[in-house]
Each structure stands twice: as C-alpha cells, then as structure tokens.
Protein backbone atom coordinates (compact mmCIF):
# COMPACT_ATOMS: atom_id res chain seq x y z
CA UNK A 1 82.90 51.35 42.30
CA UNK A 2 83.27 55.21 41.76
CA UNK A 3 85.97 56.68 39.52
CA UNK A 4 87.46 60.06 39.34
CA UNK A 5 89.16 61.99 36.54
CA UNK A 6 91.11 64.39 38.97
CA UNK A 7 94.80 64.12 39.21
CA UNK A 8 96.09 62.16 42.10
CA UNK A 9 98.86 64.71 42.56
CA UNK A 10 97.44 68.17 42.82
CA UNK A 11 99.88 70.89 41.73
CA UNK A 12 101.60 72.84 44.35
CA UNK A 13 100.04 76.43 44.31
CA UNK A 14 100.94 78.10 47.44
CA UNK A 15 102.84 75.66 49.52
CA UNK A 16 104.25 76.98 52.97
CA UNK A 17 107.91 76.41 52.54
CA UNK A 18 108.52 78.26 55.81
CA UNK A 19 107.92 75.27 57.88
CA UNK A 20 109.13 75.15 61.52
CA UNK A 21 109.17 71.38 61.60
CA UNK A 22 112.70 70.18 61.73
CA UNK A 23 113.31 66.44 60.80
CA UNK A 24 116.77 65.56 62.13
CA UNK A 25 117.20 62.49 59.90
CA UNK A 26 120.53 63.53 58.42
CA UNK A 27 122.39 63.93 61.88
CA UNK A 28 120.79 60.71 62.99
CA UNK A 29 122.51 59.00 60.15
CA UNK A 30 125.76 60.72 61.04
CA UNK A 31 125.47 59.37 64.63
CA UNK A 32 125.39 55.80 63.23
CA UNK A 33 121.68 55.04 63.78
CA UNK A 34 121.31 53.75 60.30
CA UNK A 35 123.28 53.40 57.02
CA UNK A 36 121.86 55.89 54.61
CA UNK A 37 123.26 53.88 51.69
CA UNK A 38 121.36 50.82 52.45
CA UNK A 39 117.95 49.84 50.99
CA UNK A 40 114.96 48.60 52.83
CA UNK A 41 115.22 44.81 53.70
CA UNK A 42 111.72 43.90 52.75
CA UNK A 43 111.90 45.62 49.41
CA UNK A 44 109.03 48.12 50.15
CA UNK A 45 110.94 50.97 48.44
CA UNK A 46 113.59 50.82 45.67
CA UNK A 47 115.59 53.93 46.93
CA UNK A 48 118.18 54.13 49.52
CA UNK A 49 117.01 54.84 53.09
CA UNK A 50 118.42 58.34 52.82
CA UNK A 51 116.64 59.11 49.64
CA UNK A 52 113.39 57.92 51.32
CA UNK A 53 113.72 60.21 54.15
CA UNK A 54 114.72 63.13 51.95
CA UNK A 55 111.53 62.62 49.93
CA UNK A 56 109.54 62.86 53.10
CA UNK A 57 111.40 65.95 54.14
CA UNK A 58 110.75 67.59 50.78
CA UNK A 59 106.95 66.76 50.98
CA UNK A 60 106.69 68.09 54.53
CA UNK A 61 108.37 71.46 53.55
CA UNK A 62 106.40 71.88 50.44
CA UNK A 63 109.33 71.45 47.95
CA UNK A 64 107.48 68.83 45.90
CA UNK A 65 104.22 67.04 45.76
CA UNK A 66 104.37 63.74 43.91
CA UNK A 67 105.69 64.41 40.49
CA UNK A 68 105.38 68.23 40.80
CA UNK A 69 108.24 70.26 42.03
CA UNK A 70 108.01 73.74 43.65
CA UNK A 71 109.74 75.61 40.91
CA UNK A 72 109.49 78.98 42.78
CA UNK A 73 111.43 77.59 45.70
CA UNK A 74 114.14 75.97 43.66
CA UNK A 75 114.67 79.13 41.57
CA UNK A 76 115.00 81.05 44.87
CA UNK A 77 117.41 78.50 46.24
CA UNK A 78 119.61 78.75 43.21
CA UNK A 79 119.65 82.56 43.44
CA UNK A 80 120.41 82.39 47.22
CA UNK A 81 123.37 80.09 46.56
CA UNK A 82 124.77 82.32 43.80
CA UNK A 83 124.73 85.49 45.87
CA UNK A 84 126.10 83.70 48.87
CA UNK A 85 128.98 82.17 46.73
CA UNK A 86 129.77 85.57 45.10
CA UNK A 87 129.75 87.52 48.35
CA UNK A 88 132.17 85.18 49.84
CA UNK A 89 134.50 85.33 46.81
CA UNK A 90 134.34 89.20 47.05
CA UNK A 91 135.06 88.88 50.86
CA UNK A 92 132.09 90.83 51.95
CA UNK A 93 131.93 91.43 55.66
CA UNK A 94 129.35 89.89 57.89
CA UNK A 95 127.21 92.96 57.94
CA UNK A 96 127.43 93.28 54.05
CA UNK A 97 126.57 89.76 53.17
CA UNK A 98 122.81 89.98 54.32
CA UNK A 99 122.48 93.42 52.57
CA UNK A 100 123.76 91.81 49.34
CA UNK A 101 121.48 88.95 49.70
CA UNK A 102 118.38 91.03 50.57
CA UNK A 103 118.85 93.37 47.68
CA UNK A 104 119.64 90.46 45.18
CA UNK A 105 116.38 88.78 46.00
CA UNK A 106 114.46 91.91 45.39
CA UNK A 107 115.65 92.33 41.91
CA UNK A 108 114.01 91.13 38.65
CA UNK A 109 117.13 89.41 37.37
CA UNK A 110 115.80 89.44 33.83
CA UNK A 111 116.15 93.21 33.67
CA UNK A 112 119.96 92.94 33.83
CA UNK A 113 122.51 92.19 31.14
CA UNK A 114 124.23 88.81 31.26
CA UNK A 115 124.03 85.92 33.68
CA UNK A 116 122.72 85.84 37.23
CA UNK A 117 126.25 85.68 38.45
CA UNK A 118 127.02 88.95 36.70
CA UNK A 119 124.27 90.70 38.54
CA UNK A 120 125.43 89.22 41.79
CA UNK A 121 128.91 90.71 41.31
CA UNK A 122 127.35 94.17 40.69
CA UNK A 123 125.11 93.83 43.79
CA UNK A 124 128.15 93.07 46.05
CA UNK A 125 130.10 95.99 44.54
CA UNK A 126 127.08 98.35 45.15
CA UNK A 127 126.89 97.20 48.86
CA UNK A 128 130.64 97.72 49.34
CA UNK A 129 130.42 101.19 47.73
CA UNK A 130 127.62 102.25 50.28
CA UNK A 131 129.23 100.89 53.33
CA UNK A 132 131.12 103.73 55.07
CA UNK A 133 132.97 101.32 57.28
CA UNK A 134 134.47 99.48 54.14
CA UNK A 135 137.53 101.19 52.88
CA UNK A 136 137.09 99.52 49.46
CA UNK A 137 135.32 101.15 46.62
CA UNK A 138 132.72 99.37 44.49
CA UNK A 139 131.49 101.99 41.95
CA UNK A 140 132.85 101.36 38.43
CA UNK A 141 134.18 104.94 38.17
CA UNK A 142 136.44 104.22 41.14
CA UNK A 143 137.61 100.64 40.35
CA UNK A 144 141.05 100.54 39.02
CA UNK A 145 142.07 98.62 35.86
CA UNK A 146 143.84 95.77 37.77
CA UNK A 147 140.86 95.33 39.84
CA UNK A 148 138.67 95.02 36.66
CA UNK A 149 141.08 92.47 35.41
CA UNK A 150 141.17 90.50 38.56
CA UNK A 151 137.40 90.28 38.64
CA UNK A 152 137.23 89.19 35.09
CA UNK A 153 139.95 86.55 35.69
CA UNK A 154 138.40 85.20 38.86
CA UNK A 155 134.69 85.58 38.36
CA UNK A 156 134.29 86.02 34.57
CA UNK A 157 132.54 89.32 34.66
CA UNK A 158 133.85 91.88 32.27
CA UNK A 159 134.14 95.65 32.71
CA UNK A 160 131.48 96.37 30.32
CA UNK A 161 129.05 94.10 32.12
CA UNK A 162 129.82 95.76 35.37
CA UNK A 163 129.34 99.28 34.08
CA UNK A 164 126.15 98.43 32.43
CA UNK A 165 124.52 96.57 35.23
CA UNK A 166 125.72 99.00 38.02
CA UNK A 167 123.81 101.85 36.40
CA UNK A 168 120.66 99.71 36.15
CA UNK A 169 120.92 98.73 39.73
CA UNK A 170 121.52 102.29 40.96
CA UNK A 171 118.30 103.28 39.20
CA UNK A 172 116.11 100.65 40.60
CA UNK A 173 117.27 101.19 44.15
CA UNK A 174 116.88 105.00 43.69
CA UNK A 175 113.33 104.80 42.19
CA UNK A 176 112.42 101.76 44.54
CA UNK A 177 111.81 99.57 41.50
CA UNK A 178 112.16 96.53 43.60
CA UNK A 179 109.86 93.60 44.05
CA UNK A 180 108.89 91.90 47.38
CA UNK A 181 111.56 89.41 48.19
CA UNK A 182 110.19 85.85 47.90
CA UNK A 183 109.78 84.12 51.40
CA UNK A 184 111.01 80.61 51.15
CA UNK A 185 112.39 78.13 53.70
CA UNK A 186 112.38 80.70 56.55
CA UNK A 187 113.88 78.07 58.93
CA UNK A 188 116.25 76.64 56.46
CA UNK A 189 115.37 73.09 57.12
CA UNK A 190 116.68 72.17 53.69
CA UNK A 191 120.01 73.51 54.63
CA UNK A 192 120.06 71.28 57.89
CA UNK A 193 119.97 74.44 60.13
CA UNK A 194 118.53 73.77 63.55
CA UNK A 195 118.87 77.39 65.03
CA UNK A 196 115.88 79.46 63.94
CA UNK A 197 116.98 82.50 65.75
CA UNK A 198 119.85 82.84 63.49
CA UNK A 199 117.83 82.68 60.25
CA UNK A 200 115.34 85.18 61.72
CA UNK A 201 118.11 87.54 62.59
CA UNK A 202 119.28 87.34 58.98
CA UNK A 203 115.98 88.05 57.54
CA UNK A 204 115.61 91.25 59.74
CA UNK A 205 119.00 92.27 58.69
CA UNK A 206 118.21 91.78 54.98
CA UNK A 207 114.98 93.78 55.25
CA UNK A 208 116.69 96.63 57.09
CA UNK A 209 119.53 96.56 54.72
CA UNK A 210 117.09 97.32 51.75
CA UNK A 211 115.61 100.20 53.67
CA UNK A 212 119.05 101.61 54.37
CA UNK A 213 120.15 101.39 50.71
CA UNK A 214 116.89 102.90 49.50
CA UNK A 215 117.24 105.99 51.80
C-alpha cells in the first residue's frame, strides 16, 4: 500500500468564482420539493439537507475547498455588501450606485482613515458630487452643518473622518492610484441571481463609471 504526505485538501490559489453554473436548490426548497431543515434519513450526513446543498454550491463556485475558505472572495463579498448598504442609506440613484460600487472595489481601503464603512460614505458623497444630474452636493466644503450631524447620527461617521478621507479619495482618483477591481462571483450565484445579463450590465456600468470619474 502506498502512502502520501500531501494534504488531502489543496489550498485554493486561483479559484474561478465567476462560475456560470447555477444550482437552483434554494428555490426548489421554496417550491416544496424538500424540507431544507430535515436531515438525511439514512444518516449519511449530519448536517441539514440545505447545508449539504449549500456546501456543494460553495465547492462548485470556488468559495471553499474542504477546510480552506476563499478569503479573497469573502473579503470582496463583505466590501460589496458594505457599499451596497451605504449607497442605499444615502439614497444614491440607480446610475450612481454602480459607480460607487466600482470605485469602492478599486480602492486600497487600508489607505483610508477609520473603518470600511467610513470610506464607503465618502465614496458615495464623491459620486454624488460628480453627478451633474444630482442636485445634492457631496464635497465636505459644501455640506451644511445639519447634514454632517445627520450623517454622524445615522451612519456614525464624523465630519473629521469625511474631510480627511475625501481628500485622500480625490487624490487617488486624480492620480489614478487605483487597483484593478477584484473579479469575484460574476454571475452572482451565491446571491441566488439567475439573470446573468443584469450582472454583466452592472459590471460594464462599474467599469465605465471609473473611467468617467478619472477623466
């Protein structure tokens, strides 16, 4: 019998998370095809049926491999949800949201002062300021005191953080000190989207938005 010293679970190095394969196990459960909370009758697996299919979905999309998790993807997903939430709270328009998301993903967030959420607020204000169709203003010099107070009360971001980070953001866009945005989950299978065309349109909009803001 031969033996091996290599790991049974090779680390994820360059997984392809932009997987077009769509496993419709969630909506199948919603249609009553099976109970997601039940366990396998023959005891093959200890987890719920839904957990079993979720694991298969994660393997298929490159989000994990055995005991290893795709840290790059989960960091991207966290950032994506942060900018989506903040842009919604600041009521960005449908045209502004992909611009904010595209710019946010191209920033080295460690270069900014405070938390990721603080930088997300500044990105949204920057996009508002540079949208001629938006009557609102986003530059710190134009924001009124009561607006600063409202942002701090609702989002927890102080005037000082906005002023510091806004200048840093302006400099990075002006000098094109932006990184290539990570490409993860192009088809948004993890978010249970089935319409690839919508996602592709968003990606095109995000790329064009960065080009517009840089010019």
